[in-house]
Amino acid sequence: MSELKRTPLHALHLDLGGKMVPFAGYDMPVQYPLGVKKEHEHTRSACGLFDVSHMGQILLHGPRPAEALETLVCADIVGLPEGMQRYALFTAQEGGILDDLMVANPGDGSLYLVVNAACKDQDIALLETGLDADHRIEVLDRGLLALQGPKAAEVMRRHCPAACELVFMQHGSFEIGGVSVWISRSGYTGEDGFEISVPAAQAEALARLLLAEEEVEAIGLGARDSLRLEAGLCLYGHDIDTETTPVEAGLIWAIGKPRRHGGERAAGFPGADVILHQVDAKDHRRKRVGLLGEGRAPVREGAELYSEDGKRIGTVTSGGFGPSVGKPVAMGYVDIEHAAVDTVVHAEVRGKRLPMLVSKMPFVAPGYYRG
């Protein structure tokens, strides 16, 4: 087994009593002494600080980088305004999803990408082989912190008031404590918050500065997962993968309108024939849905789903107990005829079939700041 990588905050995690586990090739904190449930609840009520430095941060340089990137993703990147970021999907020729990512337009002629840790190496290779020699990929050595929760703006205002002028999915360059940082108003919890890219050498000092605020607690991977699940957000390799198209995943909104049939830059991305056929014909056979359980027994990833009459209709891809919802929550894929909200399905858990209700997502009201 290869040695686990460490983020710039590794020593801080140990100082804070983090319980370290392997994750995407990194040694990461799954929780701190506060515990997963209390970390989750603290983020929903106040403010949590997450280390997401294991994610890949990349700059794409070269002529017309937006047009170049559109040959690999189905999003509208050409139409991405300066100072904004957008959710995008790398797609495969068969129509599946290779990874999901964020793309920001800093306005300096480059594009800033944040990709998943587990897919980082393959994404870098995809960019290097999929784009022409006029384009250069710069892999950055930076920390990435996520300050999340309803009091995140209150905390940020003390250190960088200008960043509080951002609205959801805006991105810009700022200074905190004399250090140049890139900040976006975004996150993976369903709450208001900021993601802060900082030079690796200054990451720990910035994290300690934010943790010194009384509203802020360090939050591990366990609560990060339960928070994103309640927010109805996909985890790559679980809820989306190479066997899943954007349409099946309920991510049709991530296919830019100019990239669809009839748009000014229709198709031109891998798998466009398959994906756009599903958009137009609406003939996909399965769909990602939210699921609410009864009782308190969580339904985990991999549980098989059955219809009322006992037919196998799908599989759970993410699941657990939702502390903010007060009951088990999950998402998974079901045959399209069983995907309507309020349909009763049954999840098999240790030989028992537990009733679940197909539900709208997100399971909690989002707190994104839109101005």
Protein backbone atom coordinates (compact mmCIF):
# COMPACT_ATOMS: atom_id res chain seq x y z
CA MET A 1 0.00 0.00 0.00
CA SER A 2 1.41 3.38 -0.99
CA GLU A 3 1.97 5.95 1.73
CA LEU A 4 -0.95 8.28 2.32
CA LYS A 5 -0.57 11.89 1.22
CA ARG A 6 -1.04 14.73 3.69
CA THR A 7 -2.73 18.09 3.27
CA PRO A 8 -1.08 21.30 4.56
CA LEU A 9 -3.35 21.02 7.63
CA HIS A 10 -2.28 17.51 8.69
CA ALA A 11 -0.42 18.67 11.82
CA LEU A 12 -3.40 20.83 12.80
CA HIS A 13 -5.77 17.87 12.54
CA LEU A 14 -3.57 15.91 14.93
CA ASP A 15 -3.37 18.88 17.35
CA LEU A 16 -7.16 19.10 17.33
CA GLY A 17 -7.56 15.39 18.12
CA GLY A 18 -8.81 14.41 14.68
CA LYS A 19 -9.51 10.72 14.09
CA MET A 20 -7.53 10.10 10.91
CA VAL A 21 -8.61 7.69 8.16
CA PRO A 22 -7.50 6.99 4.57
CA PHE A 23 -9.60 8.90 2.04
CA ALA A 24 -8.84 9.26 -1.69
CA GLY A 25 -5.17 8.55 -1.01
CA TYR A 26 -4.91 11.12 1.81
CA ASP A 27 -4.75 10.86 5.59
CA MET A 28 -7.87 12.83 6.55
CA PRO A 29 -9.92 13.51 9.71
CA VAL A 30 -13.24 11.69 9.74
CA GLN A 31 -14.19 13.43 12.98
CA TYR A 32 -12.88 15.41 15.94
CA PRO A 33 -13.65 14.93 19.66
CA LEU A 34 -16.97 16.78 19.21
CA GLY A 35 -18.25 13.78 17.18
CA VAL A 36 -19.96 13.48 13.81
CA LYS A 37 -23.52 14.27 14.93
CA LYS A 38 -22.56 17.39 16.90
CA GLU A 39 -20.24 18.54 14.12
CA HIS A 40 -23.14 18.21 11.67
CA GLU A 41 -25.51 20.12 13.96
CA HIS A 42 -22.95 22.83 14.65
CA THR A 43 -22.49 23.46 10.92
CA ARG A 44 -26.25 23.74 10.44
CA SER A 45 -26.65 26.14 13.39
CA ALA A 46 -23.40 28.13 13.43
CA CYS A 47 -20.24 27.59 11.36
CA GLY A 48 -17.90 24.73 10.51
CA LEU A 49 -14.42 24.74 8.99
CA PHE A 50 -13.52 21.88 6.64
CA ASP A 51 -10.16 20.92 5.16
CA VAL A 52 -10.78 20.16 1.48
CA SER A 53 -7.16 20.60 0.42
CA HIS A 54 -7.15 17.06 -0.96
CA MET A 55 -9.20 18.32 -3.89
CA GLY A 56 -7.30 19.09 -7.09
CA GLN A 57 -6.81 22.78 -7.92
CA ILE A 58 -5.82 23.46 -11.53
CA LEU A 59 -5.31 26.47 -13.77
CA LEU A 60 -5.99 26.07 -17.49
CA HIS A 61 -3.91 28.45 -19.64
CA GLY A 62 -3.95 29.05 -23.37
CA PRO A 63 -6.00 30.62 -26.16
CA ARG A 64 -9.77 30.62 -25.66
CA PRO A 65 -9.63 28.20 -22.71
CA ALA A 66 -13.41 28.15 -22.33
CA GLU A 67 -13.89 26.86 -25.88
CA ALA A 68 -11.17 24.28 -25.30
CA LEU A 69 -12.69 23.03 -22.06
CA GLU A 70 -16.12 22.71 -23.70
CA THR A 71 -14.71 19.83 -25.78
CA LEU A 72 -14.51 17.82 -22.53
CA VAL A 73 -17.51 19.04 -20.48
CA CYS A 74 -21.21 19.54 -21.20
CA ALA A 75 -21.49 22.86 -19.31
CA ASP A 76 -21.68 26.33 -20.83
CA ILE A 77 -18.14 27.57 -20.11
CA VAL A 78 -17.94 30.14 -22.93
CA GLY A 79 -20.88 31.95 -21.35
CA LEU A 80 -19.39 31.90 -17.84
CA PRO A 81 -19.08 35.54 -16.75
CA GLU A 82 -15.91 36.91 -15.18
CA GLY A 83 -15.96 36.44 -11.42
CA MET A 84 -18.38 33.50 -11.52
CA GLN A 85 -17.99 29.76 -11.18
CA ARG A 86 -20.12 26.92 -12.53
CA TYR A 87 -20.68 23.24 -11.85
CA ALA A 88 -19.52 21.03 -14.74
CA LEU A 89 -19.22 17.38 -15.69
CA PHE A 90 -16.47 15.57 -17.57
CA THR A 91 -18.39 13.12 -19.76
CA ALA A 92 -17.39 9.85 -21.44
CA GLN A 93 -18.05 8.79 -25.04
CA GLU A 94 -20.71 6.33 -23.79
CA GLY A 95 -22.55 9.14 -21.98
CA GLY A 96 -21.40 8.41 -18.43
CA ILE A 97 -19.79 10.86 -16.01
CA LEU A 98 -16.00 10.79 -15.52
CA ASP A 99 -16.04 13.39 -12.73
CA ASP A 100 -17.84 16.50 -11.55
CA LEU A 101 -15.94 19.72 -10.99
CA MET A 102 -16.19 23.46 -10.42
CA VAL A 103 -14.95 25.90 -13.07
CA ALA A 104 -14.29 29.58 -12.26
CA ASN A 105 -13.53 32.45 -14.61
CA PRO A 106 -11.00 34.72 -12.82
CA GLY A 107 -11.03 37.16 -15.74
CA ASP A 108 -7.30 36.94 -16.42
CA GLY A 109 -7.50 34.70 -19.48
CA SER A 110 -7.23 31.45 -17.53
CA LEU A 111 -9.79 29.10 -15.98
CA TYR A 112 -9.59 27.81 -12.40
CA LEU A 113 -10.80 24.22 -11.88
CA VAL A 114 -11.45 22.27 -8.69
CA VAL A 115 -11.73 18.50 -9.21
CA ASN A 116 -12.39 15.57 -6.89
CA ALA A 117 -9.46 14.10 -5.00
CA ALA A 118 -10.17 10.51 -6.05
CA CYS A 119 -10.28 11.52 -9.74
CA LYS A 120 -7.52 14.13 -9.65
CA ASP A 121 -4.84 12.16 -11.51
CA GLN A 122 -7.20 10.93 -14.22
CA ASP A 123 -8.68 14.42 -14.65
CA ILE A 124 -5.22 15.94 -15.08
CA ALA A 125 -4.39 13.24 -17.64
CA LEU A 126 -7.69 13.89 -19.44
CA LEU A 127 -6.92 17.60 -19.69
CA GLU A 128 -3.36 17.00 -20.83
CA THR A 129 -4.33 14.50 -23.54
CA GLY A 130 -7.72 15.97 -24.47
CA LEU A 131 -6.58 19.53 -25.11
CA ASP A 132 -4.15 20.64 -27.80
CA ALA A 133 -0.52 21.63 -27.25
CA ASP A 134 -1.42 25.32 -27.11
CA HIS A 135 -3.03 24.76 -23.73
CA ARG A 136 -1.12 24.26 -20.49
CA ILE A 137 -2.31 22.63 -17.27
CA GLU A 138 -0.89 24.09 -14.04
CA VAL A 139 -1.49 21.89 -11.00
CA LEU A 140 -1.48 24.16 -7.95
CA ASP A 141 0.08 23.58 -4.52
CA ARG A 142 -2.56 25.31 -2.43
CA GLY A 143 -4.69 24.59 0.58
CA LEU A 144 -8.48 24.72 0.30
CA LEU A 145 -10.69 25.53 3.29
CA ALA A 146 -14.48 25.54 3.43
CA LEU A 147 -16.16 27.84 5.95
CA GLN A 148 -19.79 26.74 6.04
CA GLY A 149 -22.94 27.55 7.98
CA PRO A 150 -25.47 30.32 8.69
CA LYS A 151 -22.85 32.31 10.65
CA ALA A 152 -20.10 31.95 8.01
CA ALA A 153 -20.65 35.47 6.67
CA GLU A 154 -20.57 36.91 10.19
CA VAL A 155 -17.16 35.30 10.71
CA MET A 156 -15.86 36.26 7.27
CA ARG A 157 -16.90 39.88 7.78
CA ARG A 158 -14.38 40.22 10.62
CA HIS A 159 -11.48 39.13 8.41
CA CYS A 160 -12.48 40.00 4.84
CA PRO A 161 -15.58 42.21 4.60
CA ALA A 162 -15.22 42.49 0.82
CA ALA A 163 -15.79 38.73 0.40
CA CYS A 164 -19.20 39.13 2.01
CA GLU A 165 -20.30 41.11 -1.05
CA LEU A 166 -20.11 37.89 -3.09
CA VAL A 167 -23.32 36.04 -3.83
CA PHE A 168 -23.73 32.31 -4.39
CA MET A 169 -21.27 30.99 -7.00
CA GLN A 170 -19.32 34.24 -7.31
CA HIS A 171 -15.53 34.04 -7.08
CA GLY A 172 -12.76 36.57 -6.56
CA SER A 173 -9.30 37.47 -5.22
CA PHE A 174 -9.01 38.94 -1.72
CA GLU A 175 -6.65 39.32 1.21
CA ILE A 176 -6.97 37.87 4.71
CA GLY A 177 -4.31 38.84 7.22
CA GLY A 178 -2.04 40.09 4.46
CA VAL A 179 -2.25 36.78 2.55
CA SER A 180 -3.66 36.69 -0.99
CA VAL A 181 -6.51 34.19 -1.25
CA TRP A 182 -9.16 33.18 -3.77
CA ILE A 183 -12.65 32.96 -2.33
CA SER A 184 -15.88 31.62 -3.79
CA ARG A 185 -19.28 31.78 -2.11
CA SER A 186 -20.09 28.12 -2.39
CA GLY A 187 -19.75 24.80 -0.61
CA TYR A 188 -20.90 21.23 -0.20
CA THR A 189 -23.25 21.45 2.79
CA GLY A 190 -26.37 23.22 1.52
CA GLU A 191 -25.53 26.16 3.80
CA ASP A 192 -24.21 29.62 3.03
CA GLY A 193 -20.44 29.67 3.10
CA PHE A 194 -17.11 30.24 1.43
CA GLU A 195 -14.40 28.09 -0.11
CA ILE A 196 -10.97 29.68 0.39
CA SER A 197 -7.95 28.74 -1.72
CA VAL A 198 -4.74 29.74 0.07
CA PRO A 199 -1.03 29.13 -0.61
CA ALA A 200 -0.08 25.88 1.12
CA ALA A 201 2.47 27.54 3.39
CA GLN A 202 -0.19 29.88 4.85
CA ALA A 203 -3.04 27.35 5.10
CA GLU A 204 -2.53 26.34 8.73
CA ALA A 205 -2.22 29.94 9.95
CA LEU A 206 -5.46 30.85 8.16
CA ALA A 207 -7.26 27.80 9.55
CA ARG A 208 -6.15 28.66 13.10
CA LEU A 209 -7.27 32.26 12.61
CA LEU A 210 -10.77 31.12 11.65
CA LEU A 211 -10.96 28.42 14.32
CA ALA A 212 -10.21 31.06 16.96
CA GLU A 213 -13.66 32.56 16.30
CA GLU A 214 -16.20 31.30 18.83
CA GLU A 215 -18.74 30.32 16.16
CA VAL A 216 -16.30 28.05 14.31
CA GLU A 217 -15.60 24.35 14.93
CA ALA A 218 -13.41 21.98 12.93
CA ILE A 219 -15.54 19.51 10.98
CA GLY A 220 -14.46 16.12 9.61
CA LEU A 221 -15.38 13.93 6.66
CA GLY A 222 -18.20 12.17 8.52
CA ALA A 223 -20.29 15.30 8.98
CA ARG A 224 -19.29 16.54 5.54
CA ASP A 225 -20.95 13.43 4.13
CA SER A 226 -24.16 13.69 6.16
CA LEU A 227 -24.45 17.41 5.40
CA ARG A 228 -24.06 16.95 1.64
CA LEU A 229 -26.51 14.03 1.68
CA GLU A 230 -29.20 16.13 3.38
CA ALA A 231 -28.47 18.82 0.77
CA GLY A 232 -29.10 16.29 -2.03
CA LEU A 233 -25.59 16.70 -3.45
CA CYS A 234 -23.91 13.88 -5.37
CA LEU A 235 -20.69 12.17 -4.31
CA TYR A 236 -18.63 11.00 -7.28
CA GLY A 237 -18.05 7.25 -7.37
CA HIS A 238 -21.25 6.68 -5.42
CA ASP A 239 -24.20 8.70 -6.78
CA ILE A 240 -22.60 9.44 -10.14
CA ASP A 241 -20.07 7.44 -12.14
CA THR A 242 -19.16 6.25 -15.63
CA GLU A 243 -22.30 4.08 -15.75
CA THR A 244 -24.60 7.04 -15.07
CA THR A 245 -25.59 9.78 -17.51
CA PRO A 246 -26.28 13.37 -16.39
CA VAL A 247 -29.96 12.91 -17.27
CA GLU A 248 -30.34 9.76 -15.16
CA ALA A 249 -28.56 11.55 -12.31
CA GLY A 250 -31.04 14.43 -12.35
CA LEU A 251 -28.25 16.80 -13.41
CA ILE A 252 -29.85 17.94 -16.65
CA TRP A 253 -29.42 21.53 -15.38
CA ALA A 254 -25.64 21.02 -15.65
CA ILE A 255 -25.97 20.62 -19.43
CA GLY A 256 -25.70 24.22 -20.64
CA LYS A 257 -28.58 25.37 -22.85
CA PRO A 258 -26.14 26.48 -25.59
CA ARG A 259 -24.79 22.89 -25.61
CA ARG A 260 -28.19 21.27 -26.22
CA HIS A 261 -29.85 20.69 -29.57
CA GLY A 262 -30.90 24.05 -30.95
CA GLY A 263 -28.23 25.90 -28.94
CA GLU A 264 -25.48 27.97 -30.54
CA ARG A 265 -22.79 25.42 -29.56
CA ALA A 266 -24.84 22.25 -29.54
CA ALA A 267 -23.09 19.00 -28.66
CA GLY A 268 -19.30 18.92 -29.18
CA PHE A 269 -18.64 17.12 -25.89
CA PRO A 270 -17.99 13.40 -25.31
CA GLY A 271 -21.18 11.32 -25.21
CA ALA A 272 -23.31 14.15 -26.61
CA ASP A 273 -25.31 11.81 -28.88
CA VAL A 274 -26.38 9.62 -25.95
CA ILE A 275 -26.90 12.44 -23.45
CA LEU A 276 -28.80 14.83 -25.73
CA HIS A 277 -31.01 12.00 -27.00
CA GLN A 278 -32.02 11.37 -23.38
CA VAL A 279 -32.65 15.10 -22.89
CA ASP A 280 -34.90 15.27 -25.96
CA ALA A 281 -36.62 11.88 -25.93
CA LYS A 282 -36.95 11.53 -22.13
CA ASP A 283 -36.57 7.76 -22.61
CA HIS A 284 -34.03 6.99 -19.86
CA ARG A 285 -35.06 4.01 -17.80
CA ARG A 286 -33.89 5.00 -14.33
CA LYS A 287 -33.57 8.13 -12.21
CA ARG A 288 -31.78 9.35 -9.09
CA VAL A 289 -34.29 10.01 -6.32
CA GLY A 290 -34.32 11.08 -2.69
CA LEU A 291 -35.57 8.59 -0.11
CA LEU A 292 -36.92 9.21 3.40
CA GLY A 293 -37.05 6.32 5.84
CA GLU A 294 -39.32 5.53 8.76
CA GLY A 295 -38.05 4.77 12.24
CA ARG A 296 -34.37 5.41 12.92
CA ALA A 297 -32.56 2.53 11.20
CA PRO A 298 -30.27 4.04 8.53
CA VAL A 299 -30.30 2.58 5.02
CA ARG A 300 -26.77 2.47 3.66
CA GLU A 301 -25.18 2.49 0.21
CA GLY A 302 -25.71 -0.79 -1.63
CA ALA A 303 -29.12 -1.62 -0.17
CA GLU A 304 -31.42 -3.08 -2.82
CA LEU A 305 -34.74 -1.35 -3.45
CA TYR A 306 -38.01 -3.14 -4.15
CA SER A 307 -41.48 -2.10 -5.26
CA GLU A 308 -44.61 -2.71 -3.20
CA ASP A 309 -45.20 -5.94 -5.10
CA GLY A 310 -41.69 -7.24 -4.46
CA LYS A 311 -39.97 -6.43 -7.76
CA ARG A 312 -36.34 -5.27 -7.56
CA ILE A 313 -36.35 -1.70 -8.87
CA GLY A 314 -33.06 -0.11 -7.86
CA THR A 315 -30.21 0.48 -5.42
CA VAL A 316 -29.28 2.98 -2.73
CA THR A 317 -26.10 4.91 -3.61
CA SER A 318 -25.77 7.07 -0.46
CA GLY A 319 -27.54 6.75 2.85
CA GLY A 320 -27.45 7.39 6.56
CA PHE A 321 -29.29 9.10 9.39
CA GLY A 322 -30.01 12.77 8.73
CA PRO A 323 -29.48 14.64 12.02
CA SER A 324 -31.22 17.77 10.74
CA VAL A 325 -34.11 15.79 9.23
CA GLY A 326 -34.51 13.51 12.25
CA LYS A 327 -34.90 10.35 10.21
CA PRO A 328 -32.99 8.16 7.74
CA VAL A 329 -32.21 9.82 4.41
CA ALA A 330 -30.80 8.30 1.26
CA MET A 331 -30.53 8.72 -2.46
CA GLY A 332 -30.41 6.06 -5.10
CA TYR A 333 -31.58 4.98 -8.53
CA VAL A 334 -34.97 3.45 -9.27
CA ASP A 335 -36.75 2.38 -12.44
CA ILE A 336 -38.44 5.45 -13.90
CA GLU A 337 -41.98 4.17 -13.26
CA HIS A 338 -41.23 4.19 -9.51
CA ALA A 339 -39.52 7.61 -9.41
CA ALA A 340 -42.54 9.82 -8.68
CA VAL A 341 -42.49 11.72 -5.38
CA ASP A 342 -44.46 9.94 -2.61
CA THR A 343 -43.99 6.49 -4.16
CA VAL A 344 -43.44 3.87 -1.44
CA VAL A 345 -40.44 1.60 -2.00
CA HIS A 346 -38.74 -0.94 0.28
CA ALA A 347 -35.03 -1.11 1.11
CA GLU A 348 -33.57 -4.47 2.12
CA VAL A 349 -31.47 -4.14 5.28
CA ARG A 350 -30.11 -7.28 6.98
CA GLY A 351 -32.87 -9.43 5.54
CA LYS A 352 -35.70 -7.03 6.35
CA ARG A 353 -37.46 -4.76 3.89
CA LEU A 354 -37.92 -1.27 5.34
CA PRO A 355 -40.41 1.17 3.79
CA MET A 356 -39.05 4.40 2.32
CA LEU A 357 -40.80 7.26 0.57
CA VAL A 358 -39.49 8.78 -2.66
CA SER A 359 -38.99 12.42 -1.71
CA LYS A 360 -37.93 15.74 -3.18
CA MET A 361 -34.36 16.86 -2.67
CA PRO A 362 -32.76 18.64 -0.95
CA PHE A 363 -34.07 17.23 2.33
CA VAL A 364 -33.30 20.52 4.09
CA ALA A 365 -33.98 24.06 2.89
CA PRO A 366 -30.80 25.45 1.28
CA GLY A 367 -29.19 28.50 2.85
CA TYR A 368 -27.28 29.77 -0.21
CA TYR A 369 -26.86 33.55 -0.23
CA ARG A 370 -28.21 35.03 -3.46
CA GLY A 371 -28.23 38.68 -2.41
